């Protein structure tokens, strides 16, 4: 298997990973809500890893799982016939470790891992950009951006594909093609990092 680690994240030609990079308020979650069913329709099982900038809890105080977690269970996994939730306390960590999260998802064998947030991590990304937010394009500084979905034409100096953020089918088509091309794209990215 050909793979490469940049920092701690390994790129694997057999498992596409694509980040959605954007400023807050651009519509990352909204786009994912539209993208996921369309990808499923195209036969692509997609895992999502989402970054949260604030503390959160999926558990409820008083429930057995919460009580056991408070007592020191780490990790705590609760499961039913409908779903499961794995809770792992990470005290003292500055930020979530995307490489570890990817390794946790890999055994579930998705066809694609979509990453919302983690925009500073070295991984291939689709940038979402809305001119009305008055923020600069990330693609001007981030060589990991593979395409930009925007609502107004950006600077012509960008060498990545431009998509209309409001044209859902164009974004879906680009992602589906990107997944199909991933083995070749991954090898190219690995070679570029070796230079």
N, C-alpha and C. Protein backbone atom coordinates (compact mmCIF):
# COMPACT_ATOMS: atom_id res chain seq x y z
N UNK A 1 0.85 -1.18 0.00
CA UNK A 1 0.00 0.00 0.00
C UNK A 1 0.89 1.24 0.00
N UNK A 2 0.62 2.15 -0.89
CA UNK A 2 1.35 3.40 -0.93
C UNK A 2 0.65 4.38 -0.01
N UNK A 3 1.39 4.94 0.89
CA UNK A 3 0.81 5.96 1.75
C UNK A 3 1.90 6.91 2.17
N UNK A 4 1.47 8.04 2.71
CA UNK A 4 2.43 9.03 3.16
C UNK A 4 1.86 9.75 4.35
N UNK A 5 2.73 10.11 5.26
CA UNK A 5 2.29 10.85 6.42
C UNK A 5 2.87 12.25 6.36
N UNK A 6 2.01 13.24 6.44
CA UNK A 6 2.44 14.63 6.50
C UNK A 6 2.06 15.09 7.89
N UNK A 7 3.03 15.29 8.77
CA UNK A 7 2.69 15.47 10.16
C UNK A 7 2.28 14.11 10.68
N UNK A 8 1.04 13.98 11.06
CA UNK A 8 0.57 12.71 11.60
C UNK A 8 -0.52 12.09 10.73
N UNK A 9 -0.98 12.76 9.68
CA UNK A 9 -2.08 12.27 8.87
C UNK A 9 -1.55 11.48 7.68
N UNK A 10 -2.01 10.26 7.54
CA UNK A 10 -1.59 9.40 6.44
C UNK A 10 -2.61 9.46 5.31
N UNK A 11 -2.13 9.70 4.10
CA UNK A 11 -2.98 9.63 2.92
C UNK A 11 -2.88 8.23 2.35
N UNK A 12 -4.03 7.64 2.06
CA UNK A 12 -4.09 6.26 1.59
C UNK A 12 -4.85 6.24 0.26
N UNK A 13 -4.24 5.70 -0.81
CA UNK A 13 -4.91 5.70 -2.11
C UNK A 13 -6.21 4.90 -2.14
N UNK A 14 -6.44 4.05 -1.13
CA UNK A 14 -7.67 3.25 -1.12
C UNK A 14 -8.82 3.93 -0.38
N UNK A 15 -8.56 5.06 0.29
CA UNK A 15 -9.61 5.73 1.05
C UNK A 15 -9.53 7.24 0.86
N UNK A 16 -10.40 7.79 0.01
CA UNK A 16 -10.40 9.23 -0.21
C UNK A 16 -10.77 10.00 1.06
N UNK A 17 -10.08 11.11 1.27
CA UNK A 17 -10.39 12.02 2.36
C UNK A 17 -10.45 13.42 1.77
N UNK A 18 -11.49 14.16 2.12
CA UNK A 18 -11.68 15.50 1.57
C UNK A 18 -12.20 16.42 2.67
N UNK A 19 -11.46 17.47 2.93
CA UNK A 19 -11.90 18.46 3.90
C UNK A 19 -12.76 19.52 3.24
N UNK A 20 -13.68 20.07 4.01
CA UNK A 20 -14.43 21.25 3.58
C UNK A 20 -13.86 22.41 4.37
N UNK A 21 -13.22 23.33 3.69
CA UNK A 21 -12.57 24.46 4.34
C UNK A 21 -13.34 25.73 4.02
N UNK A 22 -13.67 26.48 5.05
CA UNK A 22 -14.43 27.71 4.83
C UNK A 22 -14.45 28.53 6.11
N UNK A 23 -14.71 29.80 5.94
CA UNK A 23 -14.91 30.67 7.09
C UNK A 23 -16.27 30.36 7.69
N UNK A 24 -16.42 30.66 8.97
CA UNK A 24 -17.70 30.45 9.65
C UNK A 24 -18.81 31.21 8.93
N UNK A 25 -19.96 30.58 8.79
CA UNK A 25 -21.10 31.22 8.15
C UNK A 25 -21.18 31.00 6.65
N UNK A 26 -20.23 30.25 6.10
CA UNK A 26 -20.22 30.01 4.66
C UNK A 26 -21.23 28.95 4.24
N UNK A 27 -21.53 28.00 5.14
CA UNK A 27 -22.52 26.97 4.82
C UNK A 27 -21.95 25.57 4.68
N UNK A 28 -20.92 25.25 5.45
CA UNK A 28 -20.32 23.91 5.37
C UNK A 28 -21.33 22.82 5.71
N UNK A 29 -22.01 22.99 6.84
CA UNK A 29 -22.97 21.96 7.27
C UNK A 29 -24.14 21.88 6.30
N UNK A 30 -24.62 23.01 5.83
CA UNK A 30 -25.72 23.02 4.86
C UNK A 30 -25.32 22.28 3.59
N UNK A 31 -24.11 22.52 3.11
CA UNK A 31 -23.65 21.82 1.91
C UNK A 31 -23.55 20.32 2.17
N UNK A 32 -23.02 19.94 3.34
CA UNK A 32 -22.93 18.52 3.67
C UNK A 32 -24.31 17.87 3.72
N UNK A 33 -25.29 18.57 4.26
CA UNK A 33 -26.66 18.03 4.31
C UNK A 33 -27.19 17.72 2.92
N UNK A 34 -26.80 18.52 1.94
CA UNK A 34 -27.23 18.30 0.56
C UNK A 34 -26.35 17.27 -0.14
N UNK A 35 -25.07 17.29 0.18
CA UNK A 35 -24.10 16.43 -0.48
C UNK A 35 -24.24 14.96 -0.08
N UNK A 36 -24.45 14.70 1.20
CA UNK A 36 -24.48 13.31 1.69
C UNK A 36 -25.54 12.44 1.01
N UNK A 37 -26.81 12.89 0.91
CA UNK A 37 -27.78 12.04 0.22
C UNK A 37 -27.43 11.82 -1.26
N UNK A 38 -26.91 12.85 -1.91
CA UNK A 38 -26.54 12.72 -3.32
C UNK A 38 -25.37 11.75 -3.50
N UNK A 39 -24.41 11.79 -2.59
CA UNK A 39 -23.30 10.84 -2.66
C UNK A 39 -23.80 9.42 -2.40
N UNK A 40 -24.71 9.27 -1.44
CA UNK A 40 -25.31 7.96 -1.17
C UNK A 40 -26.02 7.42 -2.40
N UNK A 41 -26.72 8.30 -3.10
CA UNK A 41 -27.41 7.93 -4.33
C UNK A 41 -26.42 7.46 -5.40
N UNK A 42 -25.22 8.03 -5.37
CA UNK A 42 -24.17 7.65 -6.32
C UNK A 42 -23.40 6.42 -5.85
N UNK A 43 -23.83 5.83 -4.73
CA UNK A 43 -23.19 4.62 -4.22
C UNK A 43 -21.95 4.87 -3.38
N UNK A 44 -21.78 6.10 -2.90
CA UNK A 44 -20.61 6.45 -2.10
C UNK A 44 -21.02 6.58 -0.63
N UNK A 45 -20.56 5.64 0.19
CA UNK A 45 -20.80 5.69 1.64
C UNK A 45 -19.82 6.68 2.25
N UNK A 46 -20.35 7.72 2.87
CA UNK A 46 -19.49 8.80 3.36
C UNK A 46 -19.51 8.89 4.87
N UNK A 47 -18.32 8.89 5.46
CA UNK A 47 -18.17 9.18 6.88
C UNK A 47 -17.90 10.67 7.01
N UNK A 48 -18.32 11.27 8.11
CA UNK A 48 -18.05 12.68 8.36
C UNK A 48 -17.35 12.81 9.70
N UNK A 49 -16.27 13.56 9.71
CA UNK A 49 -15.60 13.94 10.95
C UNK A 49 -15.75 15.44 11.07
N UNK A 50 -16.40 15.90 12.13
CA UNK A 50 -16.69 17.32 12.31
C UNK A 50 -15.93 17.87 13.50
N UNK A 51 -15.29 19.00 13.30
CA UNK A 51 -14.57 19.68 14.38
C UNK A 51 -15.54 20.60 15.12
N UNK A 52 -15.45 20.61 16.43
CA UNK A 52 -16.23 21.54 17.26
C UNK A 52 -15.25 22.45 17.99
N UNK A 53 -15.52 23.75 17.96
CA UNK A 53 -14.64 24.72 18.61
C UNK A 53 -14.97 24.91 20.08
N UNK A 54 -15.97 24.21 20.55
CA UNK A 54 -16.43 24.41 21.92
C UNK A 54 -16.66 23.05 22.57
N UNK A 55 -16.77 23.07 23.89
CA UNK A 55 -17.07 21.83 24.61
C UNK A 55 -18.47 21.37 24.25
N UNK A 56 -18.68 20.08 24.18
CA UNK A 56 -20.00 19.53 23.89
C UNK A 56 -20.12 18.20 24.61
N UNK A 57 -21.34 17.72 24.73
CA UNK A 57 -21.58 16.42 25.35
C UNK A 57 -22.77 15.78 24.66
N UNK A 58 -22.60 14.55 24.19
CA UNK A 58 -23.70 13.83 23.56
C UNK A 58 -24.45 12.99 24.58
N UNK A 59 -23.93 12.97 25.79
CA UNK A 59 -24.52 12.17 26.86
C UNK A 59 -25.42 13.04 27.74
N UNK A 60 -26.21 12.39 28.60
CA UNK A 60 -27.11 13.13 29.49
C UNK A 60 -26.79 12.80 30.94
N UNK A 61 -26.60 13.83 31.77
CA UNK A 61 -26.36 13.58 33.19
C UNK A 61 -27.46 12.70 33.77
N UNK A 62 -27.04 11.74 34.59
CA UNK A 62 -27.99 10.83 35.22
C UNK A 62 -28.14 9.51 34.50
N UNK A 63 -27.87 9.48 33.20
CA UNK A 63 -27.94 8.22 32.45
C UNK A 63 -26.76 7.33 32.84
N UNK A 64 -26.95 6.02 32.73
CA UNK A 64 -25.90 5.08 33.13
C UNK A 64 -24.57 5.37 32.43
N UNK A 65 -24.64 5.62 31.13
CA UNK A 65 -23.40 5.86 30.38
C UNK A 65 -22.68 7.11 30.90
N UNK A 66 -23.44 8.14 31.24
CA UNK A 66 -22.84 9.35 31.79
C UNK A 66 -22.21 9.07 33.15
N UNK A 67 -22.91 8.33 33.98
CA UNK A 67 -22.40 7.99 35.31
C UNK A 67 -21.11 7.18 35.20
N UNK A 68 -21.08 6.21 34.28
CA UNK A 68 -19.89 5.39 34.11
C UNK A 68 -18.72 6.20 33.55
N UNK A 69 -19.02 7.12 32.67
CA UNK A 69 -17.98 8.00 32.14
C UNK A 69 -17.40 8.86 33.24
N UNK A 70 -18.29 9.41 34.07
CA UNK A 70 -17.85 10.23 35.19
C UNK A 70 -17.01 9.42 36.18
N UNK A 71 -17.29 8.12 36.26
CA UNK A 71 -16.55 7.24 37.17
C UNK A 71 -15.19 6.84 36.60
N UNK A 72 -14.93 7.15 35.33
CA UNK A 72 -13.61 6.89 34.77
C UNK A 72 -13.55 6.01 33.55
N UNK A 73 -14.68 5.54 33.03
CA UNK A 73 -14.64 4.72 31.81
C UNK A 73 -14.10 5.57 30.66
N UNK A 74 -13.07 5.07 30.01
CA UNK A 74 -12.52 5.79 28.87
C UNK A 74 -11.86 4.79 27.91
N UNK A 75 -12.46 4.52 26.80
CA UNK A 75 -13.67 5.16 26.30
C UNK A 75 -14.92 4.54 26.89
N UNK A 76 -16.03 5.20 26.67
CA UNK A 76 -17.35 4.69 27.02
C UNK A 76 -18.11 4.51 25.72
N UNK A 77 -18.56 3.29 25.45
CA UNK A 77 -19.33 3.02 24.25
C UNK A 77 -20.71 2.55 24.67
N UNK A 78 -21.72 3.22 24.17
CA UNK A 78 -23.09 2.81 24.43
C UNK A 78 -23.72 2.43 23.09
N UNK A 79 -24.45 1.32 23.06
CA UNK A 79 -24.98 0.82 21.79
C UNK A 79 -26.38 0.28 21.98
N UNK A 80 -27.19 0.45 20.94
CA UNK A 80 -28.52 -0.14 20.87
C UNK A 80 -28.66 -0.76 19.49
N UNK A 81 -29.86 -1.23 19.17
CA UNK A 81 -30.08 -1.78 17.83
C UNK A 81 -30.13 -0.67 16.77
N UNK A 82 -30.23 0.59 17.20
CA UNK A 82 -30.38 1.70 16.26
C UNK A 82 -29.09 2.50 16.01
N UNK A 83 -28.22 2.58 17.04
CA UNK A 83 -27.00 3.38 16.88
C UNK A 83 -26.03 3.07 18.00
N UNK A 84 -24.84 3.60 17.86
CA UNK A 84 -23.87 3.53 18.94
C UNK A 84 -23.18 4.87 19.07
N UNK A 85 -22.66 5.12 20.25
CA UNK A 85 -21.91 6.35 20.49
C UNK A 85 -20.67 6.00 21.31
N UNK A 86 -19.55 6.43 20.83
CA UNK A 86 -18.29 6.22 21.52
C UNK A 86 -17.87 7.57 22.10
N UNK A 87 -17.70 7.60 23.40
CA UNK A 87 -17.29 8.84 24.06
C UNK A 87 -15.92 8.62 24.69
N UNK A 88 -15.02 9.52 24.39
CA UNK A 88 -13.65 9.41 24.87
C UNK A 88 -13.25 10.77 25.42
N UNK A 89 -12.91 10.82 26.67
CA UNK A 89 -12.48 12.08 27.28
C UNK A 89 -11.06 12.39 26.82
N UNK A 90 -10.80 13.64 26.50
CA UNK A 90 -9.48 14.05 26.04
C UNK A 90 -8.99 15.28 26.82
N UNK A 91 -8.94 15.17 28.15
CA UNK A 91 -8.51 16.33 28.94
C UNK A 91 -7.06 16.70 28.64
N UNK A 92 -6.80 17.97 28.63
CA UNK A 92 -5.44 18.44 28.40
C UNK A 92 -5.03 18.52 26.95
N UNK A 93 -5.86 18.04 26.04
CA UNK A 93 -5.54 18.14 24.61
C UNK A 93 -5.83 19.55 24.13
N UNK A 94 -4.92 20.11 23.35
CA UNK A 94 -5.15 21.44 22.79
C UNK A 94 -6.27 21.41 21.76
N UNK A 95 -6.29 20.35 20.96
CA UNK A 95 -7.28 20.24 19.91
C UNK A 95 -7.47 18.76 19.58
N UNK A 96 -8.52 18.47 18.87
CA UNK A 96 -8.78 17.09 18.45
C UNK A 96 -7.70 16.64 17.48
N UNK A 97 -7.35 15.37 17.54
CA UNK A 97 -6.32 14.79 16.69
C UNK A 97 -7.00 14.14 15.48
N UNK A 98 -6.98 14.83 14.35
CA UNK A 98 -7.65 14.34 13.15
C UNK A 98 -7.08 13.00 12.71
N UNK A 99 -5.79 12.81 12.80
CA UNK A 99 -5.19 11.54 12.38
C UNK A 99 -5.77 10.38 13.19
N UNK A 100 -5.93 10.56 14.49
CA UNK A 100 -6.52 9.51 15.33
C UNK A 100 -7.97 9.26 14.93
N UNK A 101 -8.72 10.33 14.66
CA UNK A 101 -10.13 10.19 14.29
C UNK A 101 -10.27 9.44 12.96
N UNK A 102 -9.39 9.73 12.01
CA UNK A 102 -9.41 9.02 10.73
C UNK A 102 -9.12 7.53 10.96
N UNK A 103 -8.13 7.24 11.81
CA UNK A 103 -7.83 5.83 12.10
C UNK A 103 -9.01 5.13 12.76
N UNK A 104 -9.79 5.84 13.55
CA UNK A 104 -10.97 5.24 14.20
C UNK A 104 -12.06 4.93 13.18
N UNK A 105 -12.19 5.75 12.14
CA UNK A 105 -13.23 5.59 11.13
C UNK A 105 -12.85 4.53 10.09
N UNK A 106 -11.58 4.38 9.80
CA UNK A 106 -11.13 3.50 8.71
C UNK A 106 -11.66 2.07 8.78
N UNK A 107 -11.71 1.42 9.96
CA UNK A 107 -12.21 0.03 9.98
C UNK A 107 -13.68 -0.10 9.55
N UNK A 108 -14.42 1.00 9.56
CA UNK A 108 -15.82 0.96 9.13
C UNK A 108 -15.94 0.97 7.61
N UNK A 109 -14.83 1.13 6.92
CA UNK A 109 -14.71 1.04 5.47
C UNK A 109 -15.66 1.95 4.69
N UNK A 110 -15.66 3.25 5.00
CA UNK A 110 -16.43 4.15 4.16
C UNK A 110 -15.75 4.28 2.79
N UNK A 111 -16.47 4.78 1.82
CA UNK A 111 -15.89 5.04 0.50
C UNK A 111 -15.20 6.40 0.46
N UNK A 112 -15.54 7.25 1.43
CA UNK A 112 -15.03 8.62 1.47
C UNK A 112 -15.12 9.12 2.91
N UNK A 113 -14.10 9.83 3.36
CA UNK A 113 -14.17 10.53 4.64
C UNK A 113 -14.22 12.02 4.32
N UNK A 114 -15.31 12.66 4.74
CA UNK A 114 -15.45 14.11 4.62
C UNK A 114 -15.10 14.72 5.97
N UNK A 115 -14.33 15.79 5.94
CA UNK A 115 -13.88 16.44 7.16
C UNK A 115 -14.39 17.87 7.17
N UNK A 116 -15.19 18.20 8.18
CA UNK A 116 -15.68 19.58 8.32
C UNK A 116 -14.87 20.25 9.41
N UNK A 117 -14.21 21.34 9.04
CA UNK A 117 -13.32 22.01 9.98
C UNK A 117 -11.90 21.49 9.79
N UNK A 118 -11.10 21.56 10.82
CA UNK A 118 -9.70 21.12 10.76
C UNK A 118 -8.98 21.79 9.58
N UNK A 119 -9.32 23.06 9.28
CA UNK A 119 -8.81 23.67 8.05
C UNK A 119 -7.30 23.87 8.03
N UNK A 120 -6.63 23.83 9.19
CA UNK A 120 -5.17 23.98 9.20
C UNK A 120 -4.45 22.65 8.93
N UNK A 121 -5.17 21.54 8.96
CA UNK A 121 -4.54 20.24 8.76
C UNK A 121 -4.15 20.05 7.29
N UNK A 122 -3.04 19.37 7.04
CA UNK A 122 -2.62 19.10 5.66
C UNK A 122 -3.40 17.94 5.05
N UNK A 123 -4.50 18.27 4.40
CA UNK A 123 -5.30 17.27 3.70
C UNK A 123 -5.98 17.94 2.52
N UNK A 124 -6.33 17.18 1.49
CA UNK A 124 -7.02 17.77 0.34
C UNK A 124 -8.34 18.38 0.78
N UNK A 125 -8.66 19.56 0.21
CA UNK A 125 -9.84 20.29 0.65
C UNK A 125 -10.61 20.88 -0.53
N UNK A 126 -11.90 21.01 -0.32
CA UNK A 126 -12.78 21.79 -1.18
C UNK A 126 -13.08 23.06 -0.39
N UNK A 127 -12.70 24.20 -0.93
CA UNK A 127 -12.99 25.46 -0.24
C UNK A 127 -14.38 25.95 -0.62
N UNK A 128 -15.13 26.40 0.38
CA UNK A 128 -16.41 27.07 0.16
C UNK A 128 -16.18 28.54 0.45
N UNK A 129 -16.63 29.42 -0.44
CA UNK A 129 -16.36 30.85 -0.26
C UNK A 129 -17.57 31.67 -0.66
N UNK A 130 -17.94 32.59 0.21
CA UNK A 130 -19.02 33.54 -0.08
C UNK A 130 -18.44 34.95 0.02
N UNK A 131 -18.49 35.67 -1.08
CA UNK A 131 -17.92 37.01 -1.14
C UNK A 131 -18.55 37.95 -0.12
N UNK A 132 -19.84 37.73 0.18
CA UNK A 132 -20.55 38.62 1.11
C UNK A 132 -19.96 38.61 2.52
N UNK A 133 -19.19 37.58 2.86
CA UNK A 133 -18.56 37.53 4.19
C UNK A 133 -17.33 38.42 4.28
N UNK A 134 -16.82 38.85 3.13
CA UNK A 134 -15.67 39.75 3.13
C UNK A 134 -14.37 39.11 3.59
N UNK A 135 -14.26 37.81 3.49
CA UNK A 135 -13.06 37.09 3.92
C UNK A 135 -12.21 36.72 2.71
N UNK A 136 -10.91 36.60 2.90
CA UNK A 136 -10.05 36.21 1.77
C UNK A 136 -10.24 34.75 1.39
N UNK A 137 -9.87 34.44 0.18
CA UNK A 137 -9.88 33.05 -0.28
C UNK A 137 -8.77 32.28 0.43
N UNK A 138 -9.11 31.13 0.95
CA UNK A 138 -8.11 30.28 1.60
C UNK A 138 -7.16 29.68 0.57
N UNK A 139 -7.66 29.46 -0.65
CA UNK A 139 -6.86 28.83 -1.71
C UNK A 139 -5.63 29.65 -2.08
N UNK A 140 -5.65 30.94 -1.78
CA UNK A 140 -4.50 31.77 -2.10
C UNK A 140 -3.29 31.41 -1.24
N UNK A 141 -3.54 30.83 -0.07
CA UNK A 141 -2.46 30.47 0.86
C UNK A 141 -2.33 28.96 1.08
N UNK A 142 -3.39 28.21 0.85
CA UNK A 142 -3.43 26.79 1.19
C UNK A 142 -3.32 25.94 -0.08
N UNK A 143 -2.16 25.33 -0.29
CA UNK A 143 -1.95 24.52 -1.51
C UNK A 143 -2.70 23.20 -1.47
N UNK A 144 -3.36 22.89 -0.35
CA UNK A 144 -4.17 21.66 -0.24
C UNK A 144 -5.56 21.83 -0.86
N UNK A 145 -5.96 23.06 -1.17
CA UNK A 145 -7.27 23.30 -1.78
C UNK A 145 -7.27 22.70 -3.18
N UNK A 146 -8.24 21.81 -3.44
CA UNK A 146 -8.35 21.12 -4.73
C UNK A 146 -9.34 21.80 -5.68
N UNK A 147 -10.30 22.54 -5.11
CA UNK A 147 -11.30 23.28 -5.89
C UNK A 147 -11.93 24.31 -4.96
N UNK A 148 -12.55 25.32 -5.56
CA UNK A 148 -13.24 26.36 -4.80
C UNK A 148 -14.68 26.43 -5.29
N UNK A 149 -15.62 26.30 -4.36
CA UNK A 149 -17.05 26.50 -4.66
C UNK A 149 -17.40 27.88 -4.11
N UNK A 150 -17.77 28.79 -5.00
CA UNK A 150 -17.99 30.17 -4.57
C UNK A 150 -19.24 30.74 -5.24
N UNK A 151 -19.67 31.90 -4.72
CA UNK A 151 -20.88 32.53 -5.26
C UNK A 151 -20.56 33.68 -6.21
N UNK A 152 -19.29 34.08 -6.29
CA UNK A 152 -18.84 35.10 -7.24
C UNK A 152 -17.50 34.66 -7.79
N UNK A 153 -17.22 34.94 -9.04
CA UNK A 153 -15.93 34.52 -9.60
C UNK A 153 -14.77 35.11 -8.80
N UNK A 154 -13.85 34.26 -8.34
CA UNK A 154 -12.69 34.76 -7.60
C UNK A 154 -11.59 35.22 -8.55
N UNK A 155 -10.47 35.54 -7.98
CA UNK A 155 -9.31 35.99 -8.76
C UNK A 155 -8.94 34.95 -9.81
N UNK A 156 -8.70 35.40 -11.03
CA UNK A 156 -8.37 34.46 -12.10
C UNK A 156 -7.01 33.78 -11.91
N UNK A 157 -6.23 34.22 -10.93
CA UNK A 157 -4.90 33.65 -10.73
C UNK A 157 -4.93 32.26 -10.09
N UNK A 158 -6.08 31.84 -9.58
CA UNK A 158 -6.17 30.52 -8.96
C UNK A 158 -6.12 29.44 -10.03
N UNK A 159 -5.39 28.38 -9.73
CA UNK A 159 -5.21 27.31 -10.73
C UNK A 159 -6.04 26.07 -10.42
N UNK A 160 -7.01 26.19 -9.51
CA UNK A 160 -7.86 25.04 -9.16
C UNK A 160 -9.23 25.23 -9.80
N UNK A 161 -9.99 24.14 -9.97
CA UNK A 161 -11.33 24.27 -10.55
C UNK A 161 -12.23 25.18 -9.71
N UNK A 162 -13.08 25.94 -10.39
CA UNK A 162 -14.05 26.82 -9.75
C UNK A 162 -15.44 26.24 -9.95
N UNK A 163 -16.22 26.18 -8.88
CA UNK A 163 -17.58 25.66 -8.92
C UNK A 163 -18.53 26.71 -8.40
N UNK A 164 -19.78 26.65 -8.84
CA UNK A 164 -20.82 27.53 -8.31
C UNK A 164 -21.36 26.88 -7.04
N UNK A 165 -21.16 27.54 -5.90
CA UNK A 165 -21.59 26.99 -4.62
C UNK A 165 -23.10 26.78 -4.57
N UNK A 166 -23.84 27.50 -5.40
CA UNK A 166 -25.30 27.37 -5.42
C UNK A 166 -25.80 26.32 -6.42
N UNK A 167 -24.89 25.70 -7.14
CA UNK A 167 -25.24 24.64 -8.10
C UNK A 167 -24.88 23.30 -7.47
N UNK A 168 -25.83 22.74 -6.73
CA UNK A 168 -25.59 21.51 -5.98
C UNK A 168 -25.11 20.38 -6.88
N UNK A 169 -25.70 20.23 -8.05
CA UNK A 169 -25.31 19.12 -8.92
C UNK A 169 -23.87 19.27 -9.41
N UNK A 170 -23.41 20.50 -9.64
CA UNK A 170 -22.02 20.71 -10.06
C UNK A 170 -21.06 20.33 -8.94
N UNK A 171 -21.41 20.68 -7.70
CA UNK A 171 -20.56 20.33 -6.56
C UNK A 171 -20.55 18.81 -6.37
N UNK A 172 -21.73 18.18 -6.44
CA UNK A 172 -21.82 16.72 -6.30
C UNK A 172 -21.00 16.04 -7.40
N UNK A 173 -21.17 16.48 -8.64
CA UNK A 173 -20.43 15.88 -9.76
C UNK A 173 -18.92 15.98 -9.54
N UNK A 174 -18.47 17.16 -9.05
CA UNK A 174 -17.04 17.33 -8.81
C UNK A 174 -16.56 16.36 -7.73
N UNK A 175 -17.32 16.23 -6.63
CA UNK A 175 -16.91 15.34 -5.53
C UNK A 175 -16.90 13.89 -6.01
N UNK A 176 -17.92 13.47 -6.75
CA UNK A 176 -17.97 12.08 -7.25
C UNK A 176 -16.76 11.81 -8.15
N UNK A 177 -16.45 12.73 -9.05
CA UNK A 177 -15.28 12.56 -9.93
C UNK A 177 -14.00 12.55 -9.09
N UNK A 178 -13.94 13.42 -8.10
CA UNK A 178 -12.76 13.49 -7.24
C UNK A 178 -12.55 12.16 -6.51
N UNK A 179 -13.63 11.55 -6.02
CA UNK A 179 -13.53 10.24 -5.35
C UNK A 179 -13.01 9.20 -6.34
N UNK A 180 -13.55 9.19 -7.55
CA UNK A 180 -13.11 8.21 -8.56
C UNK A 180 -11.64 8.40 -8.92
N UNK A 181 -11.20 9.66 -8.95
CA UNK A 181 -9.81 9.97 -9.32
C UNK A 181 -8.85 9.89 -8.14
N UNK A 182 -9.36 9.61 -6.94
CA UNK A 182 -8.55 9.68 -5.73
C UNK A 182 -7.25 8.86 -5.78
N UNK A 183 -7.26 7.60 -6.23
CA UNK A 183 -5.98 6.86 -6.22
C UNK A 183 -4.86 7.61 -6.95
N UNK A 184 -5.17 8.16 -8.11
CA UNK A 184 -4.18 8.91 -8.87
C UNK A 184 -3.84 10.23 -8.17
N UNK A 185 -4.86 10.93 -7.69
CA UNK A 185 -4.64 12.20 -6.98
C UNK A 185 -3.78 11.98 -5.75
N UNK A 186 -4.07 10.92 -5.01
CA UNK A 186 -3.32 10.62 -3.80
C UNK A 186 -1.85 10.37 -4.12
N UNK A 187 -1.59 9.58 -5.14
CA UNK A 187 -0.20 9.30 -5.51
C UNK A 187 0.53 10.59 -5.90
N UNK A 188 -0.16 11.47 -6.62
CA UNK A 188 0.43 12.75 -7.00
C UNK A 188 0.76 13.59 -5.77
N UNK A 189 -0.18 13.65 -4.81
CA UNK A 189 0.06 14.42 -3.58
C UNK A 189 1.24 13.85 -2.80
N UNK A 190 1.32 12.53 -2.74
CA UNK A 190 2.43 11.88 -2.03
C UNK A 190 3.76 12.22 -2.71
N UNK A 191 3.78 12.16 -4.03
CA UNK A 191 5.01 12.48 -4.77
C UNK A 191 5.41 13.94 -4.58
N UNK A 192 4.43 14.85 -4.60
CA UNK A 192 4.72 16.27 -4.41
C UNK A 192 5.35 16.53 -3.05
N UNK A 193 4.92 15.81 -2.04
CA UNK A 193 5.47 16.01 -0.70
C UNK A 193 6.88 15.44 -0.57
N UNK A 194 7.21 14.49 -1.41
CA UNK A 194 8.56 13.90 -1.35
C UNK A 194 9.61 14.80 -1.99
N UNK A 195 9.17 15.73 -2.83
CA UNK A 195 10.12 16.62 -3.53
C UNK A 195 10.67 17.66 -2.61
